[in-house]
Amino acid sequence: MPNNYNCFDDLPQGLKERVRAIAEPDEQEWVNKSIPALKGKSFLETINDEDGYSKVCIYLSKVEGYLS
């Protein structure tokens, strides 16, 4: 079932922390930007799709691995 997240503040706390670690101080803007690795969709567009939560978690894991 698709989610209904409209902005950064709507995200579950765990995801907000992960996004904040990557995108701070522009989390609000970042979740709305087109991301090539998400087929050009924004983070919010992707997470609101069916199976979107798992897709963004996989994406975040890859980015976190790159940054560590």
PDB file of N, CA and C in Angstrom:
ATOM      1  N   MET A   1       0.835  -1.178   0.000  1.00  0.00           N
ATOM      2  CA  MET A   1       0.000   0.000   0.000  1.00  0.00           C
ATOM      3  C   MET A   1       0.885   1.249   0.000  1.00  0.00           C
ATOM      4  N   PRO A   2       0.635   2.199  -0.876  1.00  0.00           N
ATOM      5  CA  PRO A   2       1.440   3.418  -0.942  1.00  0.00           C
ATOM      6  C   PRO A   2       1.315   4.243   0.346  1.00  0.00           C
ATOM      7  N   ASN A   3       2.365   4.999   0.618  1.00  0.00           N
ATOM      8  CA  ASN A   3       2.404   5.879   1.782  1.00  0.00           C
ATOM      9  C   ASN A   3       1.835   7.238   1.403  1.00  0.00           C
ATOM     10  N   ASN A   4       1.741   8.126   2.376  1.00  0.00           N
ATOM     11  CA  ASN A   4       1.260   9.471   2.112  1.00  0.00           C
ATOM     12  C   ASN A   4       2.126  10.477   2.859  1.00  0.00           C
ATOM     13  N   TYR A   5       3.392  10.568   2.433  1.00  0.00           N
ATOM     14  CA  TYR A   5       4.319  11.526   3.020  1.00  0.00           C
ATOM     15  C   TYR A   5       4.404  12.731   2.087  1.00  0.00           C
ATOM     16  N   ASN A   6       4.146  13.915   2.623  1.00  0.00           N
ATOM     17  CA  ASN A   6       4.113  15.118   1.790  1.00  0.00           C
ATOM     18  C   ASN A   6       5.329  16.015   1.951  1.00  0.00           C
ATOM     19  N   CYS A   7       6.077  15.826   3.019  1.00  0.00           N
ATOM     20  CA  CYS A   7       7.263  16.646   3.260  1.00  0.00           C
ATOM     21  C   CYS A   7       8.193  15.905   4.217  1.00  0.00           C
ATOM     22  N   PHE A   8       9.365  16.464   4.410  1.00  0.00           N
ATOM     23  CA  PHE A   8      10.357  15.857   5.297  1.00  0.00           C
ATOM     24  C   PHE A   8       9.777  15.592   6.687  1.00  0.00           C
ATOM     25  N   ASP A   9       9.029  16.535   7.218  1.00  0.00           N
ATOM     26  CA  ASP A   9       8.480  16.400   8.574  1.00  0.00           C
ATOM     27  C   ASP A   9       7.489  15.249   8.717  1.00  0.00           C
ATOM     28  N   ASP A  10       6.906  14.788   7.618  1.00  0.00           N
ATOM     29  CA  ASP A  10       5.956  13.672   7.651  1.00  0.00           C
ATOM     30  C   ASP A  10       6.636  12.307   7.748  1.00  0.00           C
ATOM     31  N   LEU A  11       7.917  12.235   7.456  1.00  0.00           N
ATOM     32  CA  LEU A  11       8.626  10.956   7.421  1.00  0.00           C
ATOM     33  C   LEU A  11       8.748  10.356   8.816  1.00  0.00           C
ATOM     34  N   PRO A  12       8.828   9.022   8.899  1.00  0.00           N
ATOM     35  CA  PRO A  12       9.075   8.377  10.186  1.00  0.00           C
ATOM     36  C   PRO A  12      10.421   8.849  10.753  1.00  0.00           C
ATOM     37  N   GLN A  13      10.538   8.894  12.064  1.00  0.00           N
ATOM     38  CA  GLN A  13      11.727   9.434  12.724  1.00  0.00           C
ATOM     39  C   GLN A  13      13.020   8.795  12.218  1.00  0.00           C
ATOM     40  N   GLY A  14      13.040   7.489  12.069  1.00  0.00           N
ATOM     41  CA  GLY A  14      14.251   6.811  11.607  1.00  0.00           C
ATOM     42  C   GLY A  14      14.702   7.273  10.242  1.00  0.00           C
ATOM     43  N   LEU A  15      13.763   7.484   9.333  1.00  0.00           N
ATOM     44  CA  LEU A  15      14.115   7.976   8.007  1.00  0.00           C
ATOM     45  C   LEU A  15      14.562   9.430   8.061  1.00  0.00           C
ATOM     46  N   LYS A  16      13.930  10.227   8.899  1.00  0.00           N
ATOM     47  CA  LYS A  16      14.349  11.625   9.031  1.00  0.00           C
ATOM     48  C   LYS A  16      15.810  11.699   9.482  1.00  0.00           C
ATOM     49  N   GLU A  17      16.194  10.858  10.420  1.00  0.00           N
ATOM     50  CA  GLU A  17      17.570  10.857  10.903  1.00  0.00           C
ATOM     51  C   GLU A  17      18.539  10.469   9.794  1.00  0.00           C
ATOM     52  N   ARG A  18      18.173   9.489   8.992  1.00  0.00           N
ATOM     53  CA  ARG A  18      19.042   9.049   7.901  1.00  0.00           C
ATOM     54  C   ARG A  18      19.160  10.127   6.826  1.00  0.00           C
ATOM     55  N   VAL A  19      18.048  10.750   6.477  1.00  0.00           N
ATOM     56  CA  VAL A  19      18.076  11.831   5.477  1.00  0.00           C
ATOM     57  C   VAL A  19      18.867  13.015   6.015  1.00  0.00           C
ATOM     58  N   ARG A  20      18.653  13.350   7.267  1.00  0.00           N
ATOM     59  CA  ARG A  20      19.364  14.477   7.880  1.00  0.00           C
ATOM     60  C   ARG A  20      20.875  14.260   7.806  1.00  0.00           C
ATOM     61  N   ALA A  21      21.333  13.045   8.023  1.00  0.00           N
ATOM     62  CA  ALA A  21      22.763  12.738   7.980  1.00  0.00           C
ATOM     63  C   ALA A  21      23.350  12.941   6.586  1.00  0.00           C
ATOM     64  N   ILE A  22      22.534  12.804   5.567  1.00  0.00           N
ATOM     65  CA  ILE A  22      22.985  12.949   4.182  1.00  0.00           C
ATOM     66  C   ILE A  22      22.799  14.372   3.672  1.00  0.00           C
ATOM     67  N   ALA A  23      21.676  14.985   4.012  1.00  0.00           N
ATOM     68  CA  ALA A  23      21.260  16.213   3.334  1.00  0.00           C
ATOM     69  C   ALA A  23      21.264  17.473   4.187  1.00  0.00           C
ATOM     70  N   GLU A  24      21.629  17.372   5.451  1.00  0.00           N
ATOM     71  CA  GLU A  24      21.575  18.541   6.326  1.00  0.00           C
ATOM     72  C   GLU A  24      22.449  19.655   5.768  1.00  0.00           C
ATOM     73  N   PRO A  25      22.049  20.884   5.709  1.00  0.00           N
ATOM     74  CA  PRO A  25      20.879  21.479   6.341  1.00  0.00           C
ATOM     75  C   PRO A  25      19.675  21.632   5.412  1.00  0.00           C
ATOM     76  N   ASP A  26      19.705  20.985   4.257  1.00  0.00           N
ATOM     77  CA  ASP A  26      18.649  21.179   3.258  1.00  0.00           C
ATOM     78  C   ASP A  26      17.723  19.983   3.106  1.00  0.00           C
ATOM     79  N   GLU A  27      17.365  19.333   4.199  1.00  0.00           N
ATOM     80  CA  GLU A  27      16.536  18.128   4.129  1.00  0.00           C
ATOM     81  C   GLU A  27      15.209  18.380   3.430  1.00  0.00           C
ATOM     82  N   GLN A  28      14.556  19.488   3.787  1.00  0.00           N
ATOM     83  CA  GLN A  28      13.241  19.809   3.206  1.00  0.00           C
ATOM     84  C   GLN A  28      13.335  19.911   1.689  1.00  0.00           C
ATOM     85  N   GLU A  29      14.371  20.553   1.203  1.00  0.00           N
ATOM     86  CA  GLU A  29      14.566  20.707  -0.244  1.00  0.00           C
ATOM     87  C   GLU A  29      15.002  19.393  -0.887  1.00  0.00           C
ATOM     88  N   TRP A  30      15.896  18.682  -0.220  1.00  0.00           N
ATOM     89  CA  TRP A  30      16.467  17.465  -0.784  1.00  0.00           C
ATOM     90  C   TRP A  30      15.405  16.410  -1.072  1.00  0.00           C
ATOM     91  N   VAL A  31      14.419  16.241  -0.189  1.00  0.00           N
ATOM     92  CA  VAL A  31      13.416  15.197  -0.394  1.00  0.00           C
ATOM     93  C   VAL A  31      12.516  15.479  -1.601  1.00  0.00           C
ATOM     94  N   ASN A  32      12.589  16.684  -2.148  1.00  0.00           N
ATOM     95  CA  ASN A  32      11.783  17.049  -3.313  1.00  0.00           C
ATOM     96  C   ASN A  32      12.576  17.093  -4.612  1.00  0.00           C
ATOM     97  N   LYS A  33      13.884  16.937  -4.545  1.00  0.00           N
ATOM     98  CA  LYS A  33      14.735  16.985  -5.740  1.00  0.00           C
ATOM     99  C   LYS A  33      14.683  15.664  -6.501  1.00  0.00           C
ATOM    100  N   SER A  34      14.805  15.770  -7.803  1.00  0.00           N
ATOM    101  CA  SER A  34      14.901  14.588  -8.655  1.00  0.00           C
ATOM    102  C   SER A  34      16.222  13.876  -8.368  1.00  0.00           C
ATOM    103  N   ILE A  35      16.152  12.563  -8.181  1.00  0.00           N
ATOM    104  CA  ILE A  35      17.342  11.762  -7.883  1.00  0.00           C
ATOM    105  C   ILE A  35      17.514  10.729  -8.997  1.00  0.00           C
ATOM    106  N   PRO A  36      18.585  10.859  -9.784  1.00  0.00           N
ATOM    107  CA  PRO A  36      18.781   9.922 -10.901  1.00  0.00           C
ATOM    108  C   PRO A  36      18.722   8.451 -10.482  1.00  0.00           C
ATOM    109  N   ALA A  37      19.281   8.112  -9.330  1.00  0.00           N
ATOM    110  CA  ALA A  37      19.288   6.715  -8.871  1.00  0.00           C
ATOM    111  C   ALA A  37      17.896   6.201  -8.533  1.00  0.00           C
ATOM    112  N   LEU A  38      16.942   7.117  -8.378  1.00  0.00           N
ATOM    113  CA  LEU A  38      15.550   6.727  -8.124  1.00  0.00           C
ATOM    114  C   LEU A  38      14.711   6.935  -9.384  1.00  0.00           C
ATOM    115  N   LYS A  39      15.353   6.706 -10.521  1.00  0.00           N
ATOM    116  CA  LYS A  39      14.708   6.829 -11.836  1.00  0.00           C
ATOM    117  C   LYS A  39      14.163   8.235 -12.072  1.00  0.00           C
ATOM    118  N   GLY A  40      14.885   9.232 -11.540  1.00  0.00           N
ATOM    119  CA  GLY A  40      14.514  10.626 -11.752  1.00  0.00           C
ATOM    120  C   GLY A  40      13.401  11.130 -10.849  1.00  0.00           C
ATOM    121  N   LYS A  41      12.886  10.262 -10.002  1.00  0.00           N
ATOM    122  CA  LYS A  41      11.843  10.680  -9.067  1.00  0.00           C
ATOM    123  C   LYS A  41      12.489  11.282  -7.828  1.00  0.00           C
ATOM    124  N   SER A  42      11.723  12.070  -7.121  1.00  0.00           N
ATOM    125  CA  SER A  42      12.213  12.589  -5.846  1.00  0.00           C
ATOM    126  C   SER A  42      12.082  11.503  -4.780  1.00  0.00           C
ATOM    127  N   PHE A  43      12.726  11.753  -3.653  1.00  0.00           N
ATOM    128  CA  PHE A  43      12.630  10.852  -2.512  1.00  0.00           C
ATOM    129  C   PHE A  43      11.165  10.679  -2.100  1.00  0.00           C
ATOM    130  N   LEU A  44      10.420  11.805  -2.011  1.00  0.00           N
ATOM    131  CA  LEU A  44       9.010  11.722  -1.602  1.00  0.00           C
ATOM    132  C   LEU A  44       8.154  10.996  -2.637  1.00  0.00           C
ATOM    133  N   GLU A  45       8.393  11.236  -3.910  1.00  0.00           N
ATOM    134  CA  GLU A  45       7.631  10.520  -4.944  1.00  0.00           C
ATOM    135  C   GLU A  45       7.884   9.024  -4.825  1.00  0.00           C
ATOM    136  N   THR A  46       9.124   8.662  -4.604  1.00  0.00           N
ATOM    137  CA  THR A  46       9.481   7.247  -4.523  1.00  0.00           C
ATOM    138  C   THR A  46       8.888   6.593  -3.288  1.00  0.00           C
ATOM    139  N   ILE A  47       9.040   7.229  -2.133  1.00  0.00           N
ATOM    140  CA  ILE A  47       8.547   6.610  -0.896  1.00  0.00           C
ATOM    141  C   ILE A  47       7.027   6.465  -0.912  1.00  0.00           C
ATOM    142  N   ASN A  48       6.341   7.306  -1.652  1.00  0.00           N
ATOM    143  CA  ASN A  48       4.884   7.226  -1.722  1.00  0.00           C
ATOM    144  C   ASN A  48       4.384   6.204  -2.733  1.00  0.00           C
ATOM    145  N   ASP A  49       5.282   5.634  -3.524  1.00  0.00           N
ATOM    146  CA  ASP A  49       4.915   4.560  -4.447  1.00  0.00           C
ATOM    147  C   ASP A  49       4.743   3.252  -3.681  1.00  0.00           C
ATOM    148  N   GLU A  50       4.085   2.302  -4.319  1.00  0.00           N
ATOM    149  CA  GLU A  50       4.013   0.968  -3.749  1.00  0.00           C
ATOM    150  C   GLU A  50       5.435   0.420  -3.656  1.00  0.00           C
ATOM    151  N   ASP A  51       5.788  -0.189  -2.561  1.00  0.00           N
ATOM    152  CA  ASP A  51       7.141  -0.695  -2.280  1.00  0.00           C
ATOM    153  C   ASP A  51       8.170   0.431  -2.195  1.00  0.00           C
ATOM    154  N   GLY A  52       7.716   1.663  -2.094  1.00  0.00           N
ATOM    155  CA  GLY A  52       8.619   2.810  -2.064  1.00  0.00           C
ATOM    156  C   GLY A  52       9.485   2.870  -0.824  1.00  0.00           C
ATOM    157  N   TYR A  53       8.943   2.459   0.307  1.00  0.00           N
ATOM    158  CA  TYR A  53       9.716   2.502   1.545  1.00  0.00           C
ATOM    159  C   TYR A  53      10.978   1.648   1.412  1.00  0.00           C
ATOM    160  N   SER A  54      10.825   0.453   0.881  1.00  0.00           N
ATOM    161  CA  SER A  54      11.999  -0.414   0.723  1.00  0.00           C
ATOM    162  C   SER A  54      12.964   0.158  -0.308  1.00  0.00           C
ATOM    163  N   LYS A  55      12.454   0.774  -1.355  1.00  0.00           N
ATOM    164  CA  LYS A  55      13.324   1.379  -2.371  1.00  0.00           C
ATOM    165  C   LYS A  55      14.167   2.501  -1.782  1.00  0.00           C
ATOM    166  N   VAL A  56      13.555   3.373  -0.991  1.00  0.00           N
ATOM    167  CA  VAL A  56      14.334   4.472  -0.428  1.00  0.00           C
ATOM    168  C   VAL A  56      15.307   3.965   0.636  1.00  0.00           C
ATOM    169  N   CYS A  57      14.947   2.920   1.352  1.00  0.00           N
ATOM    170  CA  CYS A  57      15.876   2.358   2.327  1.00  0.00           C
ATOM    171  C   CYS A  57      17.110   1.767   1.638  1.00  0.00           C
ATOM    172  N   ILE A  58      16.906   1.090   0.533  1.00  0.00           N
ATOM    173  CA  ILE A  58      18.029   0.551  -0.246  1.00  0.00           C
ATOM    174  C   ILE A  58      18.899   1.695  -0.756  1.00  0.00           C
ATOM    175  N   TYR A  59      18.263   2.728  -1.288  1.00  0.00           N
ATOM    176  CA  TYR A  59      19.000   3.885  -1.782  1.00  0.00           C
ATOM    177  C   TYR A  59      19.805   4.533  -0.656  1.00  0.00           C
ATOM    178  N   LEU A  60      19.187   4.760   0.494  1.00  0.00           N
ATOM    179  CA  LEU A  60      19.883   5.379   1.615  1.00  0.00           C
ATOM    180  C   LEU A  60      21.063   4.524   2.078  1.00  0.00           C
ATOM    181  N   SER A  61      20.892   3.223   2.095  1.00  0.00           N
ATOM    182  CA  SER A  61      21.982   2.330   2.491  1.00  0.00           C
ATOM    183  C   SER A  61      23.174   2.470   1.552  1.00  0.00           C
ATOM    184  N   LYS A  62      22.911   2.580   0.270  1.00  0.00           N
ATOM    185  CA  LYS A  62      24.000   2.757  -0.707  1.00  0.00           C
ATOM    186  C   LYS A  62      24.700   4.088  -0.488  1.00  0.00           C
ATOM    187  N   VAL A  63      23.950   5.144  -0.296  1.00  0.00           N
ATOM    188  CA  VAL A  63      24.541   6.468  -0.074  1.00  0.00           C
ATOM    189  C   VAL A  63      25.331   6.472   1.231  1.00  0.00           C
ATOM    190  N   GLU A  64      24.773   5.898   2.268  1.00  0.00           N
ATOM    191  CA  GLU A  64      25.459   5.842   3.564  1.00  0.00           C
ATOM    192  C   GLU A  64      26.774   5.047   3.434  1.00  0.00           C
ATOM    193  N   GLY A  65      26.758   3.975   2.668  1.00  0.00           N
ATOM    194  CA  GLY A  65      27.967   3.186   2.442  1.00  0.00           C
ATOM    195  C   GLY A  65      29.013   3.983   1.703  1.00  0.00           C
ATOM    196  N   TYR A  66      28.593   4.791   0.765  1.00  0.00           N
ATOM    197  CA  TYR A  66      29.509   5.631   0.016  1.00  0.00           C
ATOM    198  C   TYR A  66      30.130   6.708   0.904  1.00  0.00           C
ATOM    199  N   LEU A  67      29.341   7.256   1.825  1.00  0.00           N
ATOM    200  CA  LEU A  67      29.803   8.347   2.681  1.00  0.00           C
ATOM    201  C   LEU A  67      30.654   7.880   3.863  1.00  0.00           C
ATOM    202  N   SER A  68      30.578   6.593   4.192  1.00  0.00           N
ATOM    203  CA  SER A  68      31.324   6.133   5.373  1.00  0.00           C
ATOM    204  C   SER A  68      32.745   5.741   5.032  1.00  0.00           C
TER     205      SER A  68
END
